Protein backbone atom coordinates (compact mmCIF):
# COMPACT_ATOMS: atom_id res chain seq x y z
CA MET A 1 -97.25 176.54 84.16
CA LYS A 2 -98.71 174.62 86.55
CA ILE A 3 -97.66 170.99 87.72
CA ALA A 4 -99.29 168.51 89.78
CA ARG A 5 -99.16 165.00 91.00
CA TYR A 6 -102.07 162.28 90.32
CA LEU A 7 -102.74 158.76 90.86
CA VAL A 8 -103.60 157.08 88.10
CA GLN A 9 -104.68 152.88 88.02
CA GLY A 10 -102.20 152.61 91.21
CA LYS A 11 -99.30 154.81 89.60
CA ASP A 12 -98.00 158.23 90.37
CA ARG A 13 -98.33 160.31 86.95
CA ILE A 14 -97.45 164.21 86.48
CA GLY A 15 -100.03 166.26 85.14
CA VAL A 16 -99.42 169.80 83.50
CA SER A 17 -101.23 172.81 82.48
CA THR A 18 -99.71 175.75 80.54
CA GLY A 19 -103.23 177.43 80.41
CA GLY A 20 -106.31 175.37 80.43
CA ASP A 21 -107.39 171.89 81.94
CA PHE A 22 -104.60 169.67 83.17
CA GLY A 23 -102.93 166.78 80.97
CA LEU A 24 -100.80 163.91 82.19
CA LEU A 25 -97.19 163.77 80.91
CA ALA A 26 -95.44 161.00 79.29
CA PRO A 27 -94.47 158.24 82.15
CA GLU A 28 -90.95 159.42 81.76
CA PHE A 29 -91.72 162.41 83.70
CA SER A 30 -92.12 160.24 87.01
CA SER A 31 -91.30 162.96 89.38
CA ILE A 32 -91.92 166.47 90.18
CA THR A 33 -88.68 167.57 90.56
CA ALA A 34 -88.36 166.25 86.81
CA ALA A 35 -90.93 168.03 85.45
CA LEU A 36 -89.84 171.55 87.52
CA ALA A 37 -86.23 171.22 86.27
CA PRO A 38 -85.78 174.17 83.67
CA GLU A 39 -84.72 171.85 80.84
CA SER A 40 -88.02 170.26 81.12
CA ARG A 41 -89.98 173.49 80.26
CA ALA A 42 -89.48 173.18 76.44
CA THR A 43 -90.49 169.29 76.39
CA ILE A 44 -93.52 170.23 78.16
CA GLU A 45 -94.65 173.15 76.25
CA GLN A 46 -94.35 171.51 73.27
CA ALA A 47 -96.18 168.36 74.42
CA ALA A 48 -99.09 170.88 75.16
CA LYS A 49 -99.16 172.62 71.90
CA SER A 50 -98.92 169.05 69.93
CA GLY A 51 -102.04 167.68 72.26
CA THR A 52 -100.10 164.66 73.17
CA LEU A 53 -100.96 165.15 76.90
CA GLU A 54 -103.31 162.62 78.06
CA PRO A 55 -106.73 164.38 79.66
CA ALA A 56 -106.20 164.10 83.32
CA GLY A 57 -109.87 163.05 83.69
CA ALA A 58 -110.92 161.69 86.93
CA ALA A 59 -107.43 160.86 88.01
CA GLN A 60 -106.68 161.61 91.79
CA LEU A 61 -104.86 164.30 92.91
CA GLN A 62 -101.80 163.68 95.31
CA ILE A 63 -99.79 166.07 97.34
CA PRO A 64 -97.17 167.91 94.80
CA LEU A 65 -94.22 166.25 96.44
CA ASP A 66 -91.81 163.49 95.72
CA ALA A 67 -91.01 160.89 98.23
CA GLY A 68 -88.26 161.92 100.48
CA ALA A 69 -88.96 165.64 99.72
CA ARG A 70 -88.48 167.72 103.17
CA ILE A 71 -91.48 170.07 104.41
CA PHE A 72 -89.81 173.15 106.18
CA CYS A 73 -92.18 175.33 108.32
CA ILE A 74 -91.42 178.70 109.68
CA GLY A 75 -93.46 179.92 112.84
CA VAL A 76 -95.08 183.04 113.85
CA ASN A 77 -93.49 185.21 110.67
CA TYR A 78 -96.52 187.60 110.27
CA ARG A 79 -96.62 190.68 112.93
CA SER A 80 -100.26 190.66 113.23
CA HIS A 81 -99.73 186.75 114.15
CA VAL A 82 -96.90 187.67 116.43
CA ALA A 83 -99.33 190.28 117.93
CA GLU A 84 -102.41 187.77 118.52
CA THR A 85 -100.36 185.09 120.17
CA HIS A 86 -98.47 187.72 122.74
CA ARG A 87 -94.90 187.10 121.36
CA GLU A 88 -91.84 188.91 120.73
CA VAL A 89 -90.54 189.20 117.05
CA GLU A 90 -87.68 186.68 116.76
CA PRO A 91 -84.36 187.79 115.25
CA GLN A 92 -84.15 184.56 113.36
CA PRO A 93 -86.58 182.66 111.46
CA SER A 94 -88.13 179.83 113.66
CA VAL A 95 -87.89 176.64 111.69
CA PHE A 96 -89.65 172.95 112.33
CA ILE A 97 -90.42 170.22 110.58
CA ARG A 98 -93.73 168.61 109.30
CA THR A 99 -93.30 165.01 108.15
CA GLN A 100 -95.01 163.69 104.70
CA ALA A 101 -97.36 161.65 106.72
CA SER A 102 -98.95 164.59 108.51
CA ILE A 103 -100.25 165.94 104.76
CA VAL A 104 -102.94 165.22 102.68
CA ALA A 105 -103.79 166.30 98.90
CA HIS A 106 -106.32 168.94 97.80
CA GLY A 107 -109.65 167.24 98.25
CA ALA A 108 -108.57 164.66 100.79
CA GLY A 109 -109.79 164.73 104.50
CA MET A 110 -107.75 166.72 107.12
CA VAL A 111 -108.31 164.36 110.06
CA ARG A 112 -109.13 165.50 113.49
CA PRO A 113 -107.68 163.20 116.10
CA THR A 114 -110.42 161.56 118.48
CA ILE A 115 -107.78 162.36 121.29
CA SER A 116 -108.11 166.23 121.05
CA ASP A 117 -110.83 169.01 119.57
CA ASN A 118 -108.42 171.80 119.69
CA PHE A 119 -107.87 171.36 115.55
CA ASP A 120 -106.84 174.93 114.10
CA TYR A 121 -106.07 176.20 110.64
CA GLU A 122 -103.01 178.02 109.40
CA GLY A 123 -103.09 179.14 105.73
CA GLU A 124 -99.39 179.69 104.36
CA LEU A 125 -97.76 180.42 101.02
CA THR A 126 -94.90 177.73 100.31
CA VAL A 127 -92.16 177.73 98.41
CA VAL A 128 -90.79 174.85 96.32
CA ILE A 129 -87.12 174.57 95.96
CA GLY A 130 -85.94 173.86 92.26
CA ARG A 131 -82.25 174.02 92.78
CA ARG A 132 -79.67 172.26 95.01
CA GLY A 133 -77.88 174.75 97.16
CA ARG A 134 -75.82 175.09 100.42
CA LEU A 135 -75.05 178.26 102.04
CA ILE A 136 -77.20 180.35 99.53
CA SER A 137 -77.26 184.23 99.79
CA GLN A 138 -80.05 186.37 99.76
CA ALA A 139 -79.25 187.62 96.59
CA ASP A 140 -79.41 184.34 94.85
CA ALA A 141 -82.15 182.58 97.00
CA LEU A 142 -85.19 183.16 94.33
CA ALA A 143 -83.17 181.57 91.64
CA HIS A 144 -83.32 178.49 93.63
CA VAL A 145 -86.98 178.39 93.80
CA ALA A 146 -89.08 176.39 91.30
CA GLY A 147 -92.46 177.43 92.20
CA TYR A 148 -95.10 178.17 94.88
CA THR A 149 -98.04 176.23 96.17
CA CYS A 150 -100.50 176.69 98.96
CA PHE A 151 -100.35 175.10 102.31
CA ASN A 152 -102.71 174.63 105.68
CA ASP A 153 -100.54 174.00 108.68
CA GLY A 154 -103.20 172.22 110.67
CA SER A 155 -102.07 171.96 114.21
CA ILE A 156 -103.51 170.12 117.29
CA ARG A 157 -103.16 173.12 119.68
CA ASP A 158 -103.13 171.18 123.02
CA PHE A 159 -100.59 169.11 121.99
CA GLN A 160 -98.35 171.74 120.55
CA LYS A 161 -98.26 173.05 124.37
CA HIS A 162 -95.85 169.63 124.77
CA SER A 163 -93.66 170.64 121.78
CA THR A 164 -94.07 172.18 118.18
CA THR A 165 -93.37 168.60 116.74
CA SER A 166 -96.18 167.07 118.63
CA GLY A 167 -98.65 169.56 117.34
CA LYS A 168 -97.90 169.68 113.93
CA ASN A 169 -97.26 165.98 113.28
CA PHE A 170 -100.56 164.30 113.59
CA GLU A 171 -101.28 162.07 110.66
CA ALA A 172 -103.20 163.54 107.74
CA SER A 173 -103.58 166.86 109.85
CA GLY A 174 -102.27 169.44 107.37
CA ALA A 175 -102.86 169.69 103.59
CA CYS A 176 -100.42 170.93 100.76
CA GLY A 177 -101.48 171.76 97.03
CA PRO A 178 -103.42 171.18 94.65
CA TRP A 179 -100.65 172.35 92.51
CA ILE A 180 -97.41 173.91 91.87
CA VAL A 181 -97.33 177.42 89.96
CA ALA A 182 -93.86 177.56 88.56
CA SER A 183 -92.11 180.70 89.65
CA ASP A 184 -91.56 182.70 86.34
CA GLU A 185 -95.20 183.01 86.75
CA LEU A 186 -94.80 184.58 89.98
CA PRO A 187 -91.71 186.57 89.88
CA ASP A 188 -92.54 188.45 92.88
CA PRO A 189 -93.99 186.79 95.47
CA THR A 190 -94.68 189.55 97.92
CA THR A 191 -97.46 190.65 95.80
CA LEU A 192 -99.67 187.78 96.65
CA THR A 193 -103.16 188.13 98.47
CA LEU A 194 -103.45 184.88 101.12
CA VAL A 195 -107.03 184.16 102.19
CA THR A 196 -108.06 181.57 104.39
CA ARG A 197 -112.04 180.18 104.79
CA LEU A 198 -113.51 178.02 107.01
CA ASN A 199 -117.01 176.99 105.61
CA GLY A 200 -116.57 179.99 103.39
CA VAL A 201 -116.55 182.40 105.87
CA GLU A 202 -113.31 184.28 105.79
CA VAL A 203 -110.95 184.07 108.89
CA GLN A 204 -107.67 184.91 107.72
CA ARG A 205 -106.38 187.72 104.93
CA SER A 206 -102.96 189.28 104.46
CA THR A 207 -100.71 190.22 101.64
CA THR A 208 -97.27 188.42 101.45
CA ASP A 209 -95.20 191.39 101.54
CA LEU A 210 -95.73 191.32 105.54
CA LEU A 211 -93.59 188.45 106.01
CA ILE A 212 -91.35 189.29 108.89
CA HIS A 213 -88.78 187.27 107.61
CA SER A 214 -88.50 187.41 103.71
CA ILE A 215 -88.36 184.20 101.40
CA PRO A 216 -84.64 185.00 100.58
CA ARG A 217 -84.03 185.39 104.26
CA ILE A 218 -85.57 182.28 104.89
CA ILE A 219 -84.11 180.19 102.27
CA GLU A 220 -80.55 181.81 103.25
CA TYR A 221 -81.33 180.58 106.99
CA ILE A 222 -82.18 176.97 106.04
CA SER A 223 -79.48 176.52 103.57
CA ILE A 224 -77.01 177.35 106.53
CA ILE A 225 -78.14 174.34 108.21
CA THR A 226 -78.81 171.83 105.71
CA THR A 227 -78.41 171.50 101.70
CA LEU A 228 -81.60 172.33 100.33
CA GLU A 229 -82.68 169.85 97.36
CA PRO A 230 -84.85 169.89 94.55
CA GLY A 231 -88.51 169.16 95.65
CA ASP A 232 -87.99 170.46 99.36
CA ILE A 233 -90.70 172.96 100.51
CA ILE A 234 -90.79 175.72 102.80
CA ALA A 235 -94.03 176.96 104.57
CA THR A 236 -93.49 180.66 105.13
CA GLY A 237 -96.10 181.23 107.94
CA THR A 238 -99.44 181.77 108.75
CA PRO A 239 -101.07 185.64 109.06
CA ALA A 240 -103.64 186.56 112.17
CA GLY A 241 -106.60 185.08 112.31
CA VAL A 242 -106.20 181.71 113.84
CA GLY A 243 -108.77 179.77 115.70
CA SER A 244 -106.88 179.36 118.98
CA ARG A 245 -106.85 183.28 119.33
CA ARG A 246 -110.47 183.96 119.09
CA THR A 247 -112.81 184.18 121.65
CA PRO A 248 -114.44 181.76 121.88
CA PRO A 249 -112.05 179.51 120.00
CA LEU A 250 -112.78 178.40 116.65
CA TRP A 251 -111.81 174.86 115.94
CA MET A 252 -112.44 172.98 113.07
CA LYS A 253 -114.83 170.13 113.45
CA PRO A 254 -115.97 166.91 111.28
CA GLY A 255 -118.14 168.33 108.38
CA ASP A 256 -116.71 171.49 107.97
CA THR A 257 -114.56 172.89 104.65
CA ILE A 258 -111.24 174.70 105.11
CA GLU A 259 -109.91 176.59 102.02
CA VAL A 260 -106.52 178.31 101.89
CA ASP A 261 -106.93 180.54 98.41
CA ILE A 262 -103.85 182.60 97.32
CA SER A 263 -104.08 184.96 94.34
CA GLY A 264 -101.61 183.82 91.48
CA ILE A 265 -102.00 179.79 92.58
CA GLY A 266 -105.30 178.89 93.44
CA VAL A 267 -107.38 177.25 95.99
CA LEU A 268 -106.53 174.35 98.43
CA SER A 269 -109.90 172.70 99.77
CA ASN A 270 -110.04 170.10 102.36
CA PRO A 271 -113.04 168.68 104.18
CA ILE A 272 -112.69 167.96 107.99
CA VAL A 273 -113.04 164.46 108.85
CA GLN A 274 -113.15 162.46 112.46
CA GLY A 275 -110.24 160.26 113.17
CA ALA A 276 -110.82 156.95 114.05
């Protein structure tokens, strides 16, 4: 099952697909977290079978996050990326936070700010939390996962030298989507292939079993710090191939198209546009 957020006549709606095209759920499903709840599964599948879903049609995709959902990101979490950045493997996950204002939906423009041309891509597998938890053990961690989506941790590299928060939170510099795939359709998130393409040319490729800190370990670690809430997401890190580590650097520029393609999930595609 895939779950997406749409904007329809100025109102948020939830769309689902249990196989083919997306359909819009009845308005009482007003949030991603409500649609992801285990008790909603039977209702959604019945609506799909009975044909009561409204066609999504030209409805506008939104980021698959509810208001208030937090965006946790993990830095340098593939050995290939550690090697290209000439860093050491950290014994604990390196966590930072992005704001929702820094993220756009599938198909929307990722904005290169006027102040910098050092605009880099980072394709990432992203975990969507479905069950509230604090001090979650690694053994129980995947039971707290509702699904998975794609993420582009777009980075303004010269500002990242000031601080991670600076480089990772420019308005509309990252992307998330296009939808969430329910975790029961991807029972083993270590078997996926992640590919990033810039203007159709492959620039990153890795399998997700090569994460340094596994998804259960990341969930365990973050839940030590804070209570994870349904709808929160965790971007698990990017593999080698980022533009800043190439010679010469490969920066995204207005007119480009960047894609993050993860097997079993889909393709997150965004044009690059110039900021005001």
